[in-house]
C-alpha atoms as a PDB file:
ATOM      1  CA  UNK A   1      -0.050  -0.010  -0.094  1.00  0.00           C
ATOM      2  CA  UNK A   2       2.966   2.416   0.803  1.00  0.00           C
ATOM      3  CA  UNK A   3       4.405   1.712  -2.781  1.00  0.00           C
ATOM      4  CA  UNK A   4       0.897   2.912  -4.341  1.00  0.00           C
ATOM      5  CA  UNK A   5       0.641   5.775  -2.090  1.00  0.00           C
ATOM      6  CA  UNK A   6       4.085   6.941  -2.832  1.00  0.00           C
ATOM      7  CA  UNK A   7       3.718   6.458  -6.532  1.00  0.00           C
ATOM      8  CA  UNK A   8       0.300   7.533  -7.292  1.00  0.00           C
ATOM      9  CA  UNK A   9       1.062   9.160 -10.652  1.00  0.00           C
ATOM     10  CA  UNK A  10       0.524   6.312 -12.978  1.00  0.00           C
ATOM     11  CA  UNK A  11       1.150   8.425 -15.974  1.00  0.00           C
ATOM     12  CA  UNK A  12      -0.930   8.633 -19.311  1.00  0.00           C
ATOM     13  CA  UNK A  13      -1.719   5.184 -20.837  1.00  0.00           C
ATOM     14  CA  UNK A  14      -0.619   5.241 -24.421  1.00  0.00           C
ATOM     15  CA  UNK A  15      -1.754   2.763 -27.071  1.00  0.00           C
ATOM     16  CA  UNK A  16      -0.196   3.492 -30.400  1.00  0.00           C
ATOM     17  CA  UNK A  17      -1.723   0.877 -32.596  1.00  0.00           C
ATOM     18  CA  UNK A  18      -5.480   0.373 -33.509  1.00  0.00           C
ATOM     19  CA  UNK A  19      -6.537  -2.775 -35.152  1.00  0.00           C
ATOM     20  CA  UNK A  20      -9.609  -1.909 -37.224  1.00  0.00           C
ATOM     21  CA  UNK A  21     -12.132  -4.565 -38.042  1.00  0.00           C
ATOM     22  CA  UNK A  22     -14.984  -4.127 -40.392  1.00  0.00           C
ATOM     23  CA  UNK A  23     -18.229  -3.251 -38.398  1.00  0.00           C
ATOM     24  CA  UNK A  24     -19.742  -6.385 -39.992  1.00  0.00           C
ATOM     25  CA  UNK A  25     -17.055  -8.757 -39.074  1.00  0.00           C
ATOM     26  CA  UNK A  26     -18.044 -12.129 -38.092  1.00  0.00           C
ATOM     27  CA  UNK A  27     -14.546 -13.204 -36.836  1.00  0.00           C
ATOM     28  CA  UNK A  28     -14.257 -16.006 -34.247  1.00  0.00           C
ATOM     29  CA  UNK A  29     -10.452 -16.932 -34.103  1.00  0.00           C
ATOM     30  CA  UNK A  30     -10.706 -20.609 -35.129  1.00  0.00           C
ATOM     31  CA  UNK A  31      -9.070 -22.155 -38.365  1.00  0.00           C
ATOM     32  CA  UNK A  32     -10.655 -21.946 -41.630  1.00  0.00           C
ATOM     33  CA  UNK A  33     -11.590 -25.651 -41.438  1.00  0.00           C
ATOM     34  CA  UNK A  34     -14.062 -25.176 -38.484  1.00  0.00           C
ATOM     35  CA  UNK A  35     -16.404 -23.673 -36.885  1.00  0.00           C
ATOM     36  CA  UNK A  36     -18.205 -20.987 -38.522  1.00  0.00           C
ATOM     37  CA  UNK A  37     -18.740 -17.757 -36.561  1.00  0.00           C
ATOM     38  CA  UNK A  38     -22.060 -17.851 -34.848  1.00  0.00           C
ATOM     39  CA  UNK A  39     -22.326 -21.193 -36.522  1.00  0.00           C
ATOM     40  CA  UNK A  40     -23.472 -19.427 -39.662  1.00  0.00           C
ATOM     41  CA  UNK A  41     -20.810 -17.371 -41.364  1.00  0.00           C
ATOM     42  CA  UNK A  42     -18.319 -19.288 -43.650  1.00  0.00           C
ATOM     43  CA  UNK A  43     -14.836 -18.364 -42.518  1.00  0.00           C
ATOM     44  CA  UNK A  44     -12.689 -16.314 -45.103  1.00  0.00           C
ATOM     45  CA  UNK A  45      -9.094 -15.565 -45.825  1.00  0.00           C
ATOM     46  CA  UNK A  46      -9.671 -12.250 -44.063  1.00  0.00           C
ATOM     47  CA  UNK A  47     -10.576 -14.398 -40.938  1.00  0.00           C
ATOM     48  CA  UNK A  48      -7.191 -16.212 -41.312  1.00  0.00           C
ATOM     49  CA  UNK A  49      -5.311 -12.723 -41.679  1.00  0.00           C
ATOM     50  CA  UNK A  50      -6.943 -11.532 -38.358  1.00  0.00           C
ATOM     51  CA  UNK A  51      -5.959 -14.833 -36.653  1.00  0.00           C
ATOM     52  CA  UNK A  52      -2.457 -14.869 -37.765  1.00  0.00           C
ATOM     53  CA  UNK A  53      -1.883 -10.983 -36.855  1.00  0.00           C
ATOM     54  CA  UNK A  54      -3.394 -11.538 -33.281  1.00  0.00           C
ATOM     55  CA  UNK A  55      -1.392 -14.955 -32.940  1.00  0.00           C
ATOM     56  CA  UNK A  56       1.695 -12.891 -33.526  1.00  0.00           C
ATOM     57  CA  UNK A  57       1.053 -10.060 -31.109  1.00  0.00           C
ATOM     58  CA  UNK A  58      -0.657 -12.318 -28.653  1.00  0.00           C
ATOM     59  CA  UNK A  59       1.177 -15.691 -28.895  1.00  0.00           C
ATOM     60  CA  UNK A  60      -1.018 -18.847 -28.605  1.00  0.00           C
ATOM     61  CA  UNK A  61      -4.261 -16.858 -28.204  1.00  0.00           C
ATOM     62  CA  UNK A  62      -5.706 -18.060 -31.411  1.00  0.00           C
ATOM     63  CA  UNK A  63      -6.679 -21.590 -32.445  1.00  0.00           C
ATOM     64  CA  UNK A  64      -4.631 -21.855 -35.365  1.00  0.00           C
ATOM     65  CA  UNK A  65      -3.886 -25.624 -34.788  1.00  0.00           C
ATOM     66  CA  UNK A  66      -7.360 -26.508 -33.265  1.00  0.00           C
ATOM     67  CA  UNK A  67      -8.373 -30.168 -34.099  1.00  0.00           C
ATOM     68  CA  UNK A  68     -12.247 -30.686 -33.687  1.00  0.00           C
ATOM     69  CA  UNK A  69     -12.714 -33.786 -31.780  1.00  0.00           C
ATOM     70  CA  UNK A  70      -9.428 -33.898 -30.369  1.00  0.00           C
ATOM     71  CA  UNK A  71      -8.763 -30.423 -28.809  1.00  0.00           C
ATOM     72  CA  UNK A  72     -10.829 -28.664 -26.304  1.00  0.00           C
ATOM     73  CA  UNK A  73     -11.122 -24.825 -25.954  1.00  0.00           C
ATOM     74  CA  UNK A  74      -8.686 -23.522 -23.347  1.00  0.00           C
ATOM     75  CA  UNK A  75      -9.442 -20.630 -21.130  1.00  0.00           C
ATOM     76  CA  UNK A  76      -5.795 -19.799 -21.010  1.00  0.00           C
ATOM     77  CA  UNK A  77      -5.634 -18.745 -24.551  1.00  0.00           C
ATOM     78  CA  UNK A  78      -7.895 -15.634 -23.596  1.00  0.00           C
ATOM     79  CA  UNK A  79      -5.311 -13.909 -21.439  1.00  0.00           C
ATOM     80  CA  UNK A  80      -1.869 -14.187 -22.686  1.00  0.00           C
ATOM     81  CA  UNK A  81       1.342 -12.235 -22.358  1.00  0.00           C
ATOM     82  CA  UNK A  82       2.590 -10.232 -25.295  1.00  0.00           C
ATOM     83  CA  UNK A  83       5.997  -9.235 -26.310  1.00  0.00           C
ATOM     84  CA  UNK A  84       4.566  -5.890 -27.406  1.00  0.00           C
ATOM     85  CA  UNK A  85       2.698  -5.050 -24.184  1.00  0.00           C
ATOM     86  CA  UNK A  86      -0.453  -3.290 -24.353  1.00  0.00           C
ATOM     87  CA  UNK A  87       0.148  -1.498 -27.668  1.00  0.00           C
ATOM     88  CA  UNK A  88      -3.122  -2.533 -29.560  1.00  0.00           C
ATOM     89  CA  UNK A  89      -6.560  -1.707 -29.305  1.00  0.00           C
ATOM     90  CA  UNK A  90      -9.284  -3.158 -31.606  1.00  0.00           C
ATOM     91  CA  UNK A  91     -11.726  -0.622 -33.260  1.00  0.00           C
ATOM     92  CA  UNK A  92     -14.749  -1.449 -35.447  1.00  0.00           C
ATOM     93  CA  UNK A  93     -14.833   0.625 -38.869  1.00  0.00           C
ATOM     94  CA  UNK A  94     -17.858   2.619 -37.465  1.00  0.00           C
ATOM     95  CA  UNK A  95     -15.871   4.050 -34.773  1.00  0.00           C
ATOM     96  CA  UNK A  96     -16.208   7.792 -34.355  1.00  0.00           C
ATOM     97  CA  UNK A  97     -13.770  10.130 -36.018  1.00  0.00           C
ATOM     98  CA  UNK A  98     -12.145  11.585 -32.648  1.00  0.00           C
ATOM     99  CA  UNK A  99     -11.463   7.930 -31.535  1.00  0.00           C
ATOM    100  CA  UNK A 100      -9.857   7.145 -34.982  1.00  0.00           C
ATOM    101  CA  UNK A 101      -7.780  10.353 -34.965  1.00  0.00           C
ATOM    102  CA  UNK A 102      -6.460   9.463 -31.380  1.00  0.00           C
ATOM    103  CA  UNK A 103      -4.322   6.708 -32.846  1.00  0.00           C
ATOM    104  CA  UNK A 104      -1.060   7.442 -34.803  1.00  0.00           C
ATOM    105  CA  UNK A 105      -1.426   4.147 -36.647  1.00  0.00           C
ATOM    106  CA  UNK A 106      -4.357   2.046 -37.857  1.00  0.00           C
ATOM    107  CA  UNK A 107      -3.982  -1.321 -39.034  1.00  0.00           C
ATOM    108  CA  UNK A 108      -7.042  -2.689 -41.155  1.00  0.00           C
ATOM    109  CA  UNK A 109      -7.268  -6.440 -40.888  1.00  0.00           C
ATOM    110  CA  UNK A 110      -9.557  -8.981 -42.396  1.00  0.00           C
ATOM    111  CA  UNK A 111     -12.414  -8.443 -45.006  1.00  0.00           C
ATOM    112  CA  UNK A 112     -13.687  -4.867 -45.243  1.00  0.00           C
ATOM    113  CA  UNK A 113     -16.740  -3.472 -46.925  1.00  0.00           C
ATOM    114  CA  UNK A 114     -15.407   0.273 -46.645  1.00  0.00           C
ATOM    115  CA  UNK A 115     -18.655   1.998 -46.619  1.00  0.00           C
ATOM    116  CA  UNK A 116     -18.413   5.678 -47.860  1.00  0.00           C
ATOM    117  CA  UNK A 117     -18.588   6.885 -44.235  1.00  0.00           C
ATOM    118  CA  UNK A 118     -15.726   4.883 -43.306  1.00  0.00           C
ATOM    119  CA  UNK A 119     -13.763   5.808 -46.310  1.00  0.00           C
ATOM    120  CA  UNK A 120     -14.555   9.585 -45.368  1.00  0.00           C
ATOM    121  CA  UNK A 121     -13.208   9.073 -41.928  1.00  0.00           C
ATOM    122  CA  UNK A 122      -9.959   7.397 -42.984  1.00  0.00           C
ATOM    123  CA  UNK A 123      -9.269   9.999 -45.565  1.00  0.00           C
ATOM    124  CA  UNK A 124      -9.637  12.502 -43.020  1.00  0.00           C
ATOM    125  CA  UNK A 125      -7.529  10.626 -40.524  1.00  0.00           C
ATOM    126  CA  UNK A 126      -4.538  10.163 -43.178  1.00  0.00           C
ATOM    127  CA  UNK A 127      -4.779  13.774 -44.166  1.00  0.00           C
ATOM    128  CA  UNK A 128      -4.457  14.731 -40.628  1.00  0.00           C
ATOM    129  CA  UNK A 129      -1.199  12.773 -40.260  1.00  0.00           C
ATOM    130  CA  UNK A 130      -2.393   9.398 -39.342  1.00  0.00           C
ATOM    131  CA  UNK A 131      -0.696   6.216 -40.916  1.00  0.00           C
ATOM    132  CA  UNK A 132      -3.085   3.652 -42.319  1.00  0.00           C
ATOM    133  CA  UNK A 133      -2.102   0.132 -43.209  1.00  0.00           C
END
């Protein structure tokens, strides 16, 4: 308790990267071979892209090697340490402009529809100095 009392200024949290998923994304983190998101949507290569990226920044968090009928879902894949710390937030493509603008870098992952409103926000973001990947 003394440590907390003596060091009560925790600073300003800073998350430099935003991962942007499409607002209609049905990603579930399993391999393309199984199961479907919400047991309805067919998995896509965009889902695989998201899984590979998340498994890189949060190792062993995705079910890239999941074998149906053999493996069971493990809770320990939900909270994993990352070599990058808390450097990434996830946004949906319908996030407000002020939230989008608060990140120096946005990485679009997966399949995107890029509705006109989203395109306008991203153009504004890049014109104001943001980096979009």
